Amino acid sequence: MNPSQNPIPDTKVNGDVRLDFAFELRARYETPRLQHTPKGHFRYQDLVSGAVTGARLTAKVYPNSGGQYDTVRVDQVREVDAHFILNAENGERLYVEHFGYRASAGYYRVIAFLDADTKGAYDWVNDTTFVVTAQESPDEREVVFTYYVAN
């Protein structure tokens, strides 16, 4: 096969992928802190507050439960690694992990995984992969994340 050609996937094996809106997270962060490392700049921000709204989940960010731990590459793309806890309106706690990147233009493309109580109302998130897009504010302290269920 010519390396410039992309094979057409066999959808009978892989299936079609659909993205369905799940919820939105508005997150507020502390001012970023930078440290120089051999891999690039390590960038850390505490997540101080936030709220999730949507038909499938309503929650608040659990205070002091995490943050965003990024490596800023030479090309100014940030490799995103974020984790924190949500407190759902029914009192359940959900653990959230984000992995992906933030382009130098300011938009995010990440995959998120959530863990919830297997006997709780949000057990459905345990076997769900979320594709997440986001946009960061100019002061880099607020991010609006939009979560889609990958079906």
C-alpha atoms as a PDB file:
ATOM      1  CA  MET A   1       0.000   0.000   0.000  1.00  0.00           C
ATOM      2  CA  ASN A   2       1.167   3.481  -0.803  1.00  0.00           C
ATOM      3  CA  PRO A   3       1.979   5.256   2.525  1.00  0.00           C
ATOM      4  CA  SER A   4       0.064   8.350   1.382  1.00  0.00           C
ATOM      5  CA  GLN A   5      -3.171   6.352   1.128  1.00  0.00           C
ATOM      6  CA  ASN A   6      -5.356   5.866   4.161  1.00  0.00           C
ATOM      7  CA  PRO A   7      -7.168   2.556   4.381  1.00  0.00           C
ATOM      8  CA  ILE A   8     -10.938   2.685   4.614  1.00  0.00           C
ATOM      9  CA  PRO A   9     -11.967   1.135   7.927  1.00  0.00           C
ATOM     10  CA  ASP A  10     -14.245  -1.872   7.899  1.00  0.00           C
ATOM     11  CA  THR A  11     -17.238  -0.464   9.803  1.00  0.00           C
ATOM     12  CA  LYS A  12     -18.613  -3.973  10.292  1.00  0.00           C
ATOM     13  CA  VAL A  13     -15.682  -4.519  12.648  1.00  0.00           C
ATOM     14  CA  ASN A  14     -15.150  -1.033  14.085  1.00  0.00           C
ATOM     15  CA  GLY A  15     -18.666   0.391  13.866  1.00  0.00           C
ATOM     16  CA  ASP A  16     -19.541   3.988  13.185  1.00  0.00           C
ATOM     17  CA  VAL A  17     -18.592   6.588  15.786  1.00  0.00           C
ATOM     18  CA  ARG A  18     -21.119   9.235  16.779  1.00  0.00           C
ATOM     19  CA  LEU A  19     -20.622  12.121  19.190  1.00  0.00           C
ATOM     20  CA  ASP A  20     -23.635  13.067  21.319  1.00  0.00           C
ATOM     21  CA  PHE A  21     -23.642  16.124  23.604  1.00  0.00           C
ATOM     22  CA  ALA A  22     -23.489  15.080  27.272  1.00  0.00           C
ATOM     23  CA  PHE A  23     -22.823  18.200  29.377  1.00  0.00           C
ATOM     24  CA  GLU A  24     -20.747  21.359  29.776  1.00  0.00           C
ATOM     25  CA  LEU A  25     -18.218  22.191  32.504  1.00  0.00           C
ATOM     26  CA  ARG A  26     -17.296  25.786  33.302  1.00  0.00           C
ATOM     27  CA  ALA A  27     -14.049  25.606  35.276  1.00  0.00           C
ATOM     28  CA  ARG A  28     -12.226  28.376  37.124  1.00  0.00           C
ATOM     29  CA  TYR A  29      -8.492  28.042  37.855  1.00  0.00           C
ATOM     30  CA  GLU A  30      -5.823  29.807  39.899  1.00  0.00           C
ATOM     31  CA  THR A  31      -3.161  31.750  38.003  1.00  0.00           C
ATOM     32  CA  PRO A  32      -0.848  29.332  36.148  1.00  0.00           C
ATOM     33  CA  ARG A  33       2.546  28.508  37.648  1.00  0.00           C
ATOM     34  CA  LEU A  34       5.477  27.571  35.386  1.00  0.00           C
ATOM     35  CA  GLN A  35       8.606  25.530  35.972  1.00  0.00           C
ATOM     36  CA  HIS A  36      11.316  24.783  33.413  1.00  0.00           C
ATOM     37  CA  THR A  37      12.061  21.079  32.878  1.00  0.00           C
ATOM     38  CA  PRO A  38      14.051  19.053  30.316  1.00  0.00           C
ATOM     39  CA  LYS A  39      10.746  18.157  28.572  1.00  0.00           C
ATOM     40  CA  GLY A  40       9.587  21.763  28.285  1.00  0.00           C
ATOM     41  CA  HIS A  41       7.742  24.026  30.681  1.00  0.00           C
ATOM     42  CA  PHE A  42       5.681  22.316  33.354  1.00  0.00           C
ATOM     43  CA  ARG A  43       2.512  24.325  33.920  1.00  0.00           C
ATOM     44  CA  TYR A  44       0.249  23.792  36.910  1.00  0.00           C
ATOM     45  CA  GLN A  45      -3.085  25.338  37.869  1.00  0.00           C
ATOM     46  CA  ASP A  46      -5.291  24.513  40.843  1.00  0.00           C
ATOM     47  CA  LEU A  47      -8.939  24.067  39.918  1.00  0.00           C
ATOM     48  CA  VAL A  48     -10.809  26.325  42.358  1.00  0.00           C
ATOM     49  CA  SER A  49     -14.428  26.106  41.242  1.00  0.00           C
ATOM     50  CA  GLY A  50     -16.704  25.017  38.472  1.00  0.00           C
ATOM     51  CA  ALA A  51     -20.139  23.764  37.563  1.00  0.00           C
ATOM     52  CA  VAL A  52     -21.436  21.046  35.251  1.00  0.00           C
ATOM     53  CA  THR A  53     -24.756  21.525  33.481  1.00  0.00           C
ATOM     54  CA  GLY A  54     -26.561  19.236  31.100  1.00  0.00           C
ATOM     55  CA  ALA A  55     -29.423  16.790  30.786  1.00  0.00           C
ATOM     56  CA  ARG A  56     -27.182  13.861  31.782  1.00  0.00           C
ATOM     57  CA  LEU A  57     -25.266  15.400  34.701  1.00  0.00           C
ATOM     58  CA  THR A  58     -25.495  18.384  37.032  1.00  0.00           C
ATOM     59  CA  ALA A  59     -22.603  18.860  39.461  1.00  0.00           C
ATOM     60  CA  LYS A  60     -20.123  21.228  41.056  1.00  0.00           C
ATOM     61  CA  VAL A  61     -16.347  20.890  41.160  1.00  0.00           C
ATOM     62  CA  TYR A  62     -15.384  19.531  44.575  1.00  0.00           C
ATOM     63  CA  PRO A  63     -13.163  22.210  46.209  1.00  0.00           C
ATOM     64  CA  ASN A  64      -9.394  21.593  46.214  1.00  0.00           C
ATOM     65  CA  SER A  65      -9.787  18.256  44.442  1.00  0.00           C
ATOM     66  CA  GLY A  66      -7.282  18.681  41.634  1.00  0.00           C
ATOM     67  CA  GLY A  67      -6.017  20.780  38.811  1.00  0.00           C
ATOM     68  CA  GLN A  68      -4.406  20.851  35.420  1.00  0.00           C
ATOM     69  CA  TYR A  69      -0.841  19.576  34.997  1.00  0.00           C
ATOM     70  CA  ASP A  70       0.433  20.465  31.533  1.00  0.00           C
ATOM     71  CA  THR A  71       3.706  20.274  29.662  1.00  0.00           C
ATOM     72  CA  VAL A  72       4.208  23.167  27.231  1.00  0.00           C
ATOM     73  CA  ARG A  73       6.158  21.903  24.237  1.00  0.00           C
ATOM     74  CA  VAL A  74       8.609  23.917  22.130  1.00  0.00           C
ATOM     75  CA  ASP A  75       5.826  24.537  19.565  1.00  0.00           C
ATOM     76  CA  GLN A  76       3.686  26.061  22.404  1.00  0.00           C
ATOM     77  CA  VAL A  77       1.164  23.197  22.293  1.00  0.00           C
ATOM     78  CA  ARG A  78       0.201  22.140  25.807  1.00  0.00           C
ATOM     79  CA  GLU A  79      -0.056  18.437  26.576  1.00  0.00           C
ATOM     80  CA  VAL A  80      -3.027  18.388  28.951  1.00  0.00           C
ATOM     81  CA  ASP A  81      -3.246  16.164  32.009  1.00  0.00           C
ATOM     82  CA  ALA A  82      -6.058  17.217  34.346  1.00  0.00           C
ATOM     83  CA  HIS A  83      -7.877  15.440  37.117  1.00  0.00           C
ATOM     84  CA  PHE A  84     -10.394  16.478  39.747  1.00  0.00           C
ATOM     85  CA  ILE A  85     -13.591  15.409  41.499  1.00  0.00           C
ATOM     86  CA  LEU A  86     -17.170  16.445  40.822  1.00  0.00           C
ATOM     87  CA  ASN A  87     -19.918  16.505  43.436  1.00  0.00           C
ATOM     88  CA  ALA A  88     -23.195  15.630  41.666  1.00  0.00           C
ATOM     89  CA  GLU A  89     -26.454  17.221  42.728  1.00  0.00           C
ATOM     90  CA  ASN A  90     -27.540  13.925  44.337  1.00  0.00           C
ATOM     91  CA  GLY A  91     -24.367  13.859  46.499  1.00  0.00           C
ATOM     92  CA  GLU A  92     -22.421  11.285  44.474  1.00  0.00           C
ATOM     93  CA  ARG A  93     -18.774  11.988  43.690  1.00  0.00           C
ATOM     94  CA  LEU A  94     -17.268  11.423  40.250  1.00  0.00           C
ATOM     95  CA  TYR A  95     -13.555  11.337  39.455  1.00  0.00           C
ATOM     96  CA  VAL A  96     -12.581  13.006  36.153  1.00  0.00           C
ATOM     97  CA  GLU A  97      -9.385  12.608  34.088  1.00  0.00           C
ATOM     98  CA  HIS A  98      -8.538  14.599  30.924  1.00  0.00           C
ATOM     99  CA  PHE A  99      -5.737  13.730  28.476  1.00  0.00           C
ATOM    100  CA  GLY A 100      -5.038  15.528  25.221  1.00  0.00           C
ATOM    101  CA  TYR A 101      -3.735  18.859  24.024  1.00  0.00           C
ATOM    102  CA  ARG A 102      -4.404  22.574  23.934  1.00  0.00           C
ATOM    103  CA  ALA A 103      -3.352  24.102  20.622  1.00  0.00           C
ATOM    104  CA  SER A 104      -1.403  27.360  20.611  1.00  0.00           C
ATOM    105  CA  ALA A 105      -4.595  28.998  19.240  1.00  0.00           C
ATOM    106  CA  GLY A 106      -6.296  28.261  22.586  1.00  0.00           C
ATOM    107  CA  TYR A 107      -8.699  25.417  21.822  1.00  0.00           C
ATOM    108  CA  TYR A 108      -8.592  21.985  23.448  1.00  0.00           C
ATOM    109  CA  ARG A 109      -9.005  18.451  22.092  1.00  0.00           C
ATOM    110  CA  VAL A 110      -9.040  15.902  24.886  1.00  0.00           C
ATOM    111  CA  ILE A 111     -10.399  12.529  25.888  1.00  0.00           C
ATOM    112  CA  ALA A 112     -12.013  12.288  29.322  1.00  0.00           C
ATOM    113  CA  PHE A 113     -12.757   9.335  31.538  1.00  0.00           C
ATOM    114  CA  LEU A 114     -15.033   9.496  34.569  1.00  0.00           C
ATOM    115  CA  ASP A 115     -15.312   7.058  37.452  1.00  0.00           C
ATOM    116  CA  ALA A 116     -18.483   6.794  39.523  1.00  0.00           C
ATOM    117  CA  ASP A 117     -20.023   4.493  42.096  1.00  0.00           C
ATOM    118  CA  THR A 118     -21.063   1.272  40.341  1.00  0.00           C
ATOM    119  CA  LYS A 119     -24.277   1.242  42.399  1.00  0.00           C
ATOM    120  CA  GLY A 120     -25.056   4.918  41.846  1.00  0.00           C
ATOM    121  CA  ALA A 121     -27.065   6.953  39.386  1.00  0.00           C
ATOM    122  CA  TYR A 122     -23.972   7.774  37.308  1.00  0.00           C
ATOM    123  CA  ASP A 123     -22.697   4.217  36.779  1.00  0.00           C
ATOM    124  CA  TRP A 124     -23.182   4.808  33.031  1.00  0.00           C
ATOM    125  CA  VAL A 125     -20.023   6.996  32.954  1.00  0.00           C
ATOM    126  CA  ASN A 126     -17.783   4.084  33.966  1.00  0.00           C
ATOM    127  CA  ASP A 127     -17.943   2.531  30.490  1.00  0.00           C
ATOM    128  CA  THR A 128     -18.118   5.792  28.558  1.00  0.00           C
ATOM    129  CA  THR A 129     -15.396   7.586  26.632  1.00  0.00           C
ATOM    130  CA  PHE A 130     -15.924  11.327  26.342  1.00  0.00           C
ATOM    131  CA  VAL A 131     -14.505  13.462  23.558  1.00  0.00           C
ATOM    132  CA  VAL A 132     -14.069  16.984  24.898  1.00  0.00           C
ATOM    133  CA  THR A 133     -13.585  20.326  23.210  1.00  0.00           C
ATOM    134  CA  ALA A 134     -12.918  23.533  25.105  1.00  0.00           C
ATOM    135  CA  GLN A 135     -11.970  27.153  24.849  1.00  0.00           C
ATOM    136  CA  GLU A 136      -9.826  29.011  27.353  1.00  0.00           C
ATOM    137  CA  SER A 137     -10.308  32.631  28.431  1.00  0.00           C
ATOM    138  CA  PRO A 138      -7.594  35.148  27.504  1.00  0.00           C
ATOM    139  CA  ASP A 139      -6.357  35.283  31.133  1.00  0.00           C
ATOM    140  CA  GLU A 140      -6.055  31.440  31.120  1.00  0.00           C
ATOM    141  CA  ARG A 141      -8.127  31.175  34.307  1.00  0.00           C
ATOM    142  CA  GLU A 142     -11.475  30.017  32.941  1.00  0.00           C
ATOM    143  CA  VAL A 143     -12.177  27.146  30.563  1.00  0.00           C
ATOM    144  CA  VAL A 144     -15.503  26.028  29.153  1.00  0.00           C
ATOM    145  CA  PHE A 145     -15.367  22.301  28.375  1.00  0.00           C
ATOM    146  CA  THR A 146     -18.010  20.610  26.211  1.00  0.00           C
ATOM    147  CA  TYR A 147     -18.285  16.850  26.711  1.00  0.00           C
ATOM    148  CA  TYR A 148     -19.581  14.473  24.042  1.00  0.00           C
ATOM    149  CA  VAL A 149     -20.302  10.783  24.506  1.00  0.00           C
ATOM    150  CA  ALA A 150     -18.469   8.751  21.870  1.00  0.00           C
ATOM    151  CA  ASN A 151     -20.988   6.108  20.729  1.00  0.00           C
END
